[in-house]
Every structure is written in structure tokens, then in C-alpha cells.
Amino acid sequence: MNERFIKKLMSTTKCSVCGEHYEINNIKVLRHEDDMWFLNVFCPSCRSQALVAAVVKKDKSLETTTDLTKAESAKFTQAFTISADDILDLHNFLQDFDGDFAKLFSQK
């Protein structure tokens, strides 16, 4: 797990003094070892500060099961990402698509 993920996770936590959510830029990772994280958090709403010790473990049930080889997985990991424009293009195409794949694939 990386610091960005831990900060994002901590930003969902509320201040124990005033109940406001912590902001990512007010969360500092002091140290971590394995699953144990030590954080300094500051609440701009009530100006309180706290030290947090948290154990954050990866959920093994969320691991991906695949029949891809490591090489195939690496290839697709490095592939281009789908943009919002790609999704809009697909949406526009599907609005007028009549479902005739034979006709679609026979076009040149």
C-alpha cells in the first residue's frame, strides 16, 4: 500500500473533536512498517491535532483471479487507458447501432 492510498483512506475518517473529515493535505505519514502506519493528522475546523496508529491490511479476497500469464498481464497493464471521449464515442455509436454485427464487420 502506498502513502496516497493511506491518506485517502484517512480522509474518510472524522475528527474525534468536531466530527469534520480530515483533509488529505493535513495528513502526514510519519512512518510505516508492514501493515502498521503512524500518522499525524490536523483538523483545520477545530485546529486539533492527533497522532494515529493504524493497522491497514490488504483484503486478500479482492485479489484478481486470471488465466493471463505474467507477460500478458504486464502487456495489458501498460496498454492505453480508456478516456471519457472513448466512452462518449461508444455511446454515440450504440445510439444508432441496429445490432447487425454481420453487416458491421462486412463493411470495409
C-alpha atoms as a PDB file:
ATOM      1  CA  MET A   1       0.000   0.000   0.000  1.00  0.00           C
ATOM      2  CA  ASN A   2       1.226   3.473  -0.741  1.00  0.00           C
ATOM      3  CA  GLU A   3       1.012   6.743   1.164  1.00  0.00           C
ATOM      4  CA  ARG A   4      -1.549   8.231  -1.215  1.00  0.00           C
ATOM      5  CA  PHE A   5      -3.939   5.360  -0.544  1.00  0.00           C
ATOM      6  CA  ILE A   6      -3.462   5.638   3.236  1.00  0.00           C
ATOM      7  CA  LYS A   7      -4.085   9.406   3.141  1.00  0.00           C
ATOM      8  CA  LYS A   8      -7.227   8.898   1.039  1.00  0.00           C
ATOM      9  CA  LEU A   9      -8.436   6.262   3.486  1.00  0.00           C
ATOM     10  CA  MET A  10      -7.712   8.527   6.465  1.00  0.00           C
ATOM     11  CA  SER A  11      -9.592  11.406   4.796  1.00  0.00           C
ATOM     12  CA  THR A  12     -12.781   9.362   5.210  1.00  0.00           C
ATOM     13  CA  THR A  13     -12.256   9.456   8.985  1.00  0.00           C
ATOM     14  CA  LYS A  14     -13.849  12.165  11.107  1.00  0.00           C
ATOM     15  CA  CYS A  15     -12.100  14.282  13.706  1.00  0.00           C
ATOM     16  CA  SER A  16     -12.894  12.974  17.190  1.00  0.00           C
ATOM     17  CA  VAL A  17     -13.248  16.557  18.494  1.00  0.00           C
ATOM     18  CA  CYS A  18     -15.543  18.267  15.968  1.00  0.00           C
ATOM     19  CA  GLY A  19     -16.694  15.482  13.613  1.00  0.00           C
ATOM     20  CA  GLU A  20     -15.361  17.054  10.388  1.00  0.00           C
ATOM     21  CA  HIS A  21     -13.499  14.893   7.881  1.00  0.00           C
ATOM     22  CA  TYR A  22      -9.724  15.249   7.731  1.00  0.00           C
ATOM     23  CA  GLU A  23      -8.333  16.766   4.541  1.00  0.00           C
ATOM     24  CA  ILE A  24      -5.668  14.872   2.614  1.00  0.00           C
ATOM     25  CA  ASN A  25      -3.197  17.779   2.741  1.00  0.00           C
ATOM     26  CA  ASN A  26      -3.488  17.783   6.568  1.00  0.00           C
ATOM     27  CA  ILE A  27      -2.475  14.129   6.921  1.00  0.00           C
ATOM     28  CA  LYS A  28       1.208  13.282   7.247  1.00  0.00           C
ATOM     29  CA  VAL A  29       2.595   9.779   7.195  1.00  0.00           C
ATOM     30  CA  LEU A  30       5.282   9.649   9.852  1.00  0.00           C
ATOM     31  CA  ARG A  31       6.344   6.054   9.412  1.00  0.00           C
ATOM     32  CA  HIS A  32       5.120   2.623   8.463  1.00  0.00           C
ATOM     33  CA  GLU A  33       6.280  -0.936   8.939  1.00  0.00           C
ATOM     34  CA  ASP A  34       4.437  -3.719   7.174  1.00  0.00           C
ATOM     35  CA  ASP A  35       0.722  -3.152   7.936  1.00  0.00           C
ATOM     36  CA  MET A  36       1.271  -0.609  10.755  1.00  0.00           C
ATOM     37  CA  TRP A  37       1.020   3.087   9.822  1.00  0.00           C
ATOM     38  CA  PHE A  38       1.812   6.086  12.045  1.00  0.00           C
ATOM     39  CA  LEU A  39       0.140   9.328  11.010  1.00  0.00           C
ATOM     40  CA  ASN A  40      -0.093  12.896  12.200  1.00  0.00           C
ATOM     41  CA  VAL A  41      -3.488  14.464  11.441  1.00  0.00           C
ATOM     42  CA  PHE A  42      -4.579  18.071  11.766  1.00  0.00           C
ATOM     43  CA  CYS A  43      -8.181  19.290  11.676  1.00  0.00           C
ATOM     44  CA  PRO A  44      -8.464  22.805  10.232  1.00  0.00           C
ATOM     45  CA  SER A  45     -12.032  23.165  11.540  1.00  0.00           C
ATOM     46  CA  CYS A  46     -11.249  22.906  15.256  1.00  0.00           C
ATOM     47  CA  ARG A  47      -7.456  23.166  14.941  1.00  0.00           C
ATOM     48  CA  SER A  48      -6.903  19.928  16.875  1.00  0.00           C
ATOM     49  CA  GLN A  49      -4.017  17.628  16.117  1.00  0.00           C
ATOM     50  CA  ALA A  50      -3.676  13.913  16.744  1.00  0.00           C
ATOM     51  CA  LEU A  51      -1.300  11.025  16.297  1.00  0.00           C
ATOM     52  CA  VAL A  52      -2.850   7.954  14.727  1.00  0.00           C
ATOM     53  CA  ALA A  53      -1.562   4.400  14.711  1.00  0.00           C
ATOM     54  CA  ALA A  54      -3.466   2.246  12.252  1.00  0.00           C
ATOM     55  CA  VAL A  55      -3.191  -1.312  11.019  1.00  0.00           C
ATOM     56  CA  VAL A  56      -4.215  -1.480   7.373  1.00  0.00           C
ATOM     57  CA  LYS A  57      -4.203  -4.885   5.732  1.00  0.00           C
ATOM     58  CA  LYS A  58      -4.812  -5.743   2.134  1.00  0.00           C
ATOM     59  CA  ASP A  59      -8.015  -7.698   1.653  1.00  0.00           C
ATOM     60  CA  LYS A  60      -6.876 -10.991   0.135  1.00  0.00           C
ATOM     61  CA  SER A  61     -10.396 -11.679  -1.158  1.00  0.00           C
ATOM     62  CA  LEU A  62     -10.011  -8.758  -3.596  1.00  0.00           C
ATOM     63  CA  GLU A  63      -7.053 -10.290  -5.388  1.00  0.00           C
ATOM     64  CA  THR A  64      -7.578 -10.802  -9.093  1.00  0.00           C
ATOM     65  CA  THR A  65      -8.013 -14.289 -10.435  1.00  0.00           C
ATOM     66  CA  THR A  66      -6.941 -14.563 -14.048  1.00  0.00           C
ATOM     67  CA  ASP A  67      -5.775 -17.029 -16.645  1.00  0.00           C
ATOM     68  CA  LEU A  68      -3.348 -14.485 -18.121  1.00  0.00           C
ATOM     69  CA  THR A  69       0.359 -15.159 -17.927  1.00  0.00           C
ATOM     70  CA  LYS A  70       2.590 -12.602 -16.197  1.00  0.00           C
ATOM     71  CA  ALA A  71       3.757 -11.379 -19.612  1.00  0.00           C
ATOM     72  CA  GLU A  72       0.173 -10.957 -20.863  1.00  0.00           C
ATOM     73  CA  SER A  73      -0.826  -9.183 -17.662  1.00  0.00           C
ATOM     74  CA  ALA A  74       2.141  -6.802 -17.970  1.00  0.00           C
ATOM     75  CA  LYS A  75       1.245  -6.115 -21.621  1.00  0.00           C
ATOM     76  CA  PHE A  76      -2.313  -5.103 -20.750  1.00  0.00           C
ATOM     77  CA  THR A  77      -1.215  -3.127 -17.694  1.00  0.00           C
ATOM     78  CA  GLN A  78       0.892  -0.961 -19.991  1.00  0.00           C
ATOM     79  CA  ALA A  79      -1.848  -0.636 -22.619  1.00  0.00           C
ATOM     80  CA  PHE A  80      -3.535   2.690 -23.238  1.00  0.00           C
ATOM     81  CA  THR A  81      -6.312   3.757 -20.927  1.00  0.00           C
ATOM     82  CA  ILE A  82      -9.883   4.374 -21.994  1.00  0.00           C
ATOM     83  CA  SER A  83     -10.714   8.065 -21.929  1.00  0.00           C
ATOM     84  CA  ALA A  84     -14.014   9.823 -21.378  1.00  0.00           C
ATOM     85  CA  ASP A  85     -14.023  10.661 -25.102  1.00  0.00           C
ATOM     86  CA  ASP A  86     -13.752   6.943 -25.924  1.00  0.00           C
ATOM     87  CA  ILE A  87     -16.829   6.247 -23.799  1.00  0.00           C
ATOM     88  CA  LEU A  88     -18.753   9.088 -25.462  1.00  0.00           C
ATOM     89  CA  ASP A  89     -17.776   7.766 -28.913  1.00  0.00           C
ATOM     90  CA  LEU A  90     -19.043   4.309 -27.942  1.00  0.00           C
ATOM     91  CA  HIS A  91     -22.268   5.795 -26.572  1.00  0.00           C
ATOM     92  CA  ASN A  92     -22.865   7.736 -29.785  1.00  0.00           C
ATOM     93  CA  PHE A  93     -22.144   4.645 -31.885  1.00  0.00           C
ATOM     94  CA  LEU A  94     -24.546   2.476 -29.879  1.00  0.00           C
ATOM     95  CA  GLN A  95     -27.378   5.002 -30.188  1.00  0.00           C
ATOM     96  CA  ASP A  96     -27.537   4.376 -33.947  1.00  0.00           C
ATOM     97  CA  PHE A  97     -26.407   0.719 -33.949  1.00  0.00           C
ATOM     98  CA  ASP A  98     -29.135  -1.703 -35.020  1.00  0.00           C
ATOM     99  CA  GLY A  99     -27.430  -4.824 -33.629  1.00  0.00           C
ATOM    100  CA  ASP A 100     -26.449  -6.283 -37.025  1.00  0.00           C
ATOM    101  CA  PHE A 101     -22.865  -7.406 -36.369  1.00  0.00           C
ATOM    102  CA  ALA A 102     -22.614  -9.284 -39.670  1.00  0.00           C
ATOM    103  CA  LYS A 103     -23.300  -6.064 -41.546  1.00  0.00           C
ATOM    104  CA  LEU A 104     -20.942  -4.108 -39.260  1.00  0.00           C
ATOM    105  CA  PHE A 105     -17.993  -6.472 -39.768  1.00  0.00           C
ATOM    106  CA  SER A 106     -18.526  -6.903 -43.506  1.00  0.00           C
ATOM    107  CA  GLN A 107     -18.062  -3.150 -44.035  1.00  0.00           C
ATOM    108  CA  LYS A 108     -14.693  -2.060 -45.354  1.00  0.00           C
END
